[in-house]
Amino acid sequence: MVAVARHQHDDAPIVYVLQVHCGCGVALASEERVSGPERASVDRSEDPFSRGEADVGFLCAPTYLRLREREQPPAELLGVAPVFADERARGKPVYFCDVIVRRDSQPGRFGT
């Protein structure tokens, strides 16, 4: 079992890929309110890794860093990146985001 789910998403492509490549049962859990276990739950060892509920996670960098700050970190970085089906990725494992502003604002620019 790769991850224990609160919500089943059997139609999620990542579930299929993990099942095929890992040869094991897979359940996907998602949390739409936050991008990873919240600080209080990490501090109290109530995150899914510490509770033994997750073997693999897709989470934001701040959450990962909080997990790694613990005396005995319950997770480690795998060192891989997804290859998105987006022409901007050019078939490479990259991360990017789009910066958006409110429609009626005066957008500026980054850098000098």
C-alpha atoms as a PDB file:
ATOM      1  CA  MET A   1       0.000   0.000   0.000  1.00  0.00           C
ATOM      2  CA  VAL A   2       1.503   3.319  -1.040  1.00  0.00           C
ATOM      3  CA  ALA A   3      -0.866   5.690   0.759  1.00  0.00           C
ATOM      4  CA  VAL A   4      -4.017   5.308   2.786  1.00  0.00           C
ATOM      5  CA  ALA A   5      -6.888   7.438   1.588  1.00  0.00           C
ATOM      6  CA  ARG A   6      -9.634   9.406   3.198  1.00  0.00           C
ATOM      7  CA  HIS A   7     -11.138   9.979  -0.253  1.00  0.00           C
ATOM      8  CA  GLN A   8     -10.834   7.442  -3.056  1.00  0.00           C
ATOM      9  CA  HIS A   9      -9.845   8.834  -6.458  1.00  0.00           C
ATOM     10  CA  ASP A  10      -9.726   5.676  -8.588  1.00  0.00           C
ATOM     11  CA  ASP A  11      -9.809   7.690 -11.800  1.00  0.00           C
ATOM     12  CA  ALA A  12      -6.665   9.705 -10.883  1.00  0.00           C
ATOM     13  CA  PRO A  13      -3.825   9.016 -13.369  1.00  0.00           C
ATOM     14  CA  ILE A  14      -1.183   8.967 -10.620  1.00  0.00           C
ATOM     15  CA  VAL A  15      -2.994   6.057  -8.946  1.00  0.00           C
ATOM     16  CA  TYR A  16      -2.883   4.026 -12.156  1.00  0.00           C
ATOM     17  CA  VAL A  17       0.805   4.806 -12.781  1.00  0.00           C
ATOM     18  CA  LEU A  18       1.791   3.849  -9.231  1.00  0.00           C
ATOM     19  CA  GLN A  19      -0.234   0.632  -9.357  1.00  0.00           C
ATOM     20  CA  VAL A  20       1.365  -0.428 -12.641  1.00  0.00           C
ATOM     21  CA  HIS A  21       4.939   0.529 -11.763  1.00  0.00           C
ATOM     22  CA  CYS A  22       4.943  -0.487  -8.086  1.00  0.00           C
ATOM     23  CA  GLY A  23       2.826  -3.582  -8.466  1.00  0.00           C
ATOM     24  CA  CYS A  24       0.874  -2.874  -5.308  1.00  0.00           C
ATOM     25  CA  GLY A  25      -2.446  -1.494  -4.155  1.00  0.00           C
ATOM     26  CA  VAL A  26      -2.670   2.284  -4.124  1.00  0.00           C
ATOM     27  CA  ALA A  27      -5.094   4.643  -2.432  1.00  0.00           C
ATOM     28  CA  LEU A  28      -4.896   8.391  -2.920  1.00  0.00           C
ATOM     29  CA  ALA A  29      -5.733  10.936  -0.226  1.00  0.00           C
ATOM     30  CA  SER A  30      -5.956  14.622  -0.934  1.00  0.00           C
ATOM     31  CA  GLU A  31      -6.366  17.667   1.217  1.00  0.00           C
ATOM     32  CA  GLU A  32      -7.736  20.675  -0.611  1.00  0.00           C
ATOM     33  CA  ARG A  33      -7.540  23.155   2.294  1.00  0.00           C
ATOM     34  CA  VAL A  34      -3.736  23.171   2.710  1.00  0.00           C
ATOM     35  CA  SER A  35      -0.691  22.133   0.680  1.00  0.00           C
ATOM     36  CA  GLY A  36       0.666  19.772   3.332  1.00  0.00           C
ATOM     37  CA  PRO A  37       0.309  18.743   6.954  1.00  0.00           C
ATOM     38  CA  GLU A  38      -0.073  21.861   9.084  1.00  0.00           C
ATOM     39  CA  ARG A  39       2.704  22.930  11.474  1.00  0.00           C
ATOM     40  CA  ALA A  40       0.809  21.930  14.611  1.00  0.00           C
ATOM     41  CA  SER A  41       0.197  18.385  13.349  1.00  0.00           C
ATOM     42  CA  VAL A  42       3.841  18.032  12.260  1.00  0.00           C
ATOM     43  CA  ASP A  43       5.052  19.343  15.644  1.00  0.00           C
ATOM     44  CA  ARG A  44       2.869  16.777  17.455  1.00  0.00           C
ATOM     45  CA  SER A  45       3.837  13.884  15.117  1.00  0.00           C
ATOM     46  CA  GLU A  46       0.247  13.739  13.877  1.00  0.00           C
ATOM     47  CA  ASP A  47       1.150  14.023  10.201  1.00  0.00           C
ATOM     48  CA  PRO A  48       0.371  11.049   7.893  1.00  0.00           C
ATOM     49  CA  PHE A  49       4.033   9.954   7.740  1.00  0.00           C
ATOM     50  CA  SER A  50       4.498   9.826  11.510  1.00  0.00           C
ATOM     51  CA  ARG A  51       1.203   7.956  11.930  1.00  0.00           C
ATOM     52  CA  GLY A  52       2.232   5.385   9.306  1.00  0.00           C
ATOM     53  CA  GLU A  53      -0.657   6.356   7.033  1.00  0.00           C
ATOM     54  CA  ALA A  54       1.424   7.471   4.038  1.00  0.00           C
ATOM     55  CA  ASP A  55       4.398   6.008   2.231  1.00  0.00           C
ATOM     56  CA  VAL A  56       4.579   8.659  -0.494  1.00  0.00           C
ATOM     57  CA  GLY A  57       3.491  12.276  -0.466  1.00  0.00           C
ATOM     58  CA  PHE A  58       3.289  15.200  -2.833  1.00  0.00           C
ATOM     59  CA  LEU A  59       3.587  18.309  -0.701  1.00  0.00           C
ATOM     60  CA  CYS A  60       4.977  21.810  -0.633  1.00  0.00           C
ATOM     61  CA  ALA A  61       8.550  22.707   0.340  1.00  0.00           C
ATOM     62  CA  PRO A  62       7.672  24.447   3.653  1.00  0.00           C
ATOM     63  CA  THR A  63       5.865  21.328   4.874  1.00  0.00           C
ATOM     64  CA  TYR A  64       8.772  19.099   3.857  1.00  0.00           C
ATOM     65  CA  LEU A  65      11.201  21.374   5.687  1.00  0.00           C
ATOM     66  CA  ARG A  66       9.043  21.218   8.837  1.00  0.00           C
ATOM     67  CA  LEU A  67       9.108  17.418   8.664  1.00  0.00           C
ATOM     68  CA  ARG A  68      12.902  17.469   8.251  1.00  0.00           C
ATOM     69  CA  GLU A  69      13.361  19.772  11.272  1.00  0.00           C
ATOM     70  CA  ARG A  70      12.128  17.062  13.621  1.00  0.00           C
ATOM     71  CA  GLU A  71      14.700  15.146  15.682  1.00  0.00           C
ATOM     72  CA  GLN A  72      13.791  11.944  13.821  1.00  0.00           C
ATOM     73  CA  PRO A  73      12.351  13.092  10.470  1.00  0.00           C
ATOM     74  CA  PRO A  74       9.511  10.811   9.334  1.00  0.00           C
ATOM     75  CA  ALA A  75      10.132  11.487   5.633  1.00  0.00           C
ATOM     76  CA  GLU A  76      12.938  12.104   3.185  1.00  0.00           C
ATOM     77  CA  LEU A  77      13.167  13.760  -0.205  1.00  0.00           C
ATOM     78  CA  LEU A  78      13.026  11.279  -3.073  1.00  0.00           C
ATOM     79  CA  GLY A  79      14.910  13.587  -5.432  1.00  0.00           C
ATOM     80  CA  VAL A  80      12.614  13.306  -8.442  1.00  0.00           C
ATOM     81  CA  ALA A  81      10.408  15.805 -10.214  1.00  0.00           C
ATOM     82  CA  PRO A  82       7.316  15.365 -12.357  1.00  0.00           C
ATOM     83  CA  VAL A  83       7.367  15.920 -16.115  1.00  0.00           C
ATOM     84  CA  PHE A  84       4.250  17.944 -16.831  1.00  0.00           C
ATOM     85  CA  ALA A  85       2.297  17.635 -20.082  1.00  0.00           C
ATOM     86  CA  ASP A  86       2.830  21.331 -20.772  1.00  0.00           C
ATOM     87  CA  GLU A  87       4.750  22.673 -23.762  1.00  0.00           C
ATOM     88  CA  ARG A  88       6.648  25.063 -21.474  1.00  0.00           C
ATOM     89  CA  ALA A  89       8.256  22.069 -19.719  1.00  0.00           C
ATOM     90  CA  ARG A  90       9.748  20.843 -23.027  1.00  0.00           C
ATOM     91  CA  GLY A  91       9.671  17.259 -21.772  1.00  0.00           C
ATOM     92  CA  LYS A  92      11.900  18.031 -18.786  1.00  0.00           C
ATOM     93  CA  PRO A  93      11.225  17.657 -15.036  1.00  0.00           C
ATOM     94  CA  VAL A  94      10.762  21.319 -14.179  1.00  0.00           C
ATOM     95  CA  TYR A  95       8.624  23.295 -11.789  1.00  0.00           C
ATOM     96  CA  PHE A  96       7.070  26.584 -12.704  1.00  0.00           C
ATOM     97  CA  CYS A  97       4.116  28.646 -11.690  1.00  0.00           C
ATOM     98  CA  ASP A  98       2.111  31.426 -13.195  1.00  0.00           C
ATOM     99  CA  VAL A  99       2.050  34.695 -11.293  1.00  0.00           C
ATOM    100  CA  ILE A 100      -1.378  36.276 -11.465  1.00  0.00           C
ATOM    101  CA  VAL A 101      -2.699  39.611 -10.278  1.00  0.00           C
ATOM    102  CA  ARG A 102      -6.164  40.993  -9.707  1.00  0.00           C
ATOM    103  CA  ARG A 103      -7.637  42.208 -12.994  1.00  0.00           C
ATOM    104  CA  ASP A 104      -7.916  45.836 -11.903  1.00  0.00           C
ATOM    105  CA  SER A 105      -4.384  46.079 -10.423  1.00  0.00           C
ATOM    106  CA  GLN A 106      -1.364  47.683 -12.054  1.00  0.00           C
ATOM    107  CA  PRO A 107       0.981  44.733 -12.612  1.00  0.00           C
ATOM    108  CA  GLY A 108       4.652  45.446 -12.154  1.00  0.00           C
ATOM    109  CA  ARG A 109       7.596  43.231 -12.895  1.00  0.00           C
ATOM    110  CA  PHE A 110      10.132  41.090 -11.094  1.00  0.00           C
ATOM    111  CA  GLY A 111      13.815  41.930 -11.019  1.00  0.00           C
ATOM    112  CA  THR A 112      15.518  45.097 -12.117  1.00  0.00           C
END
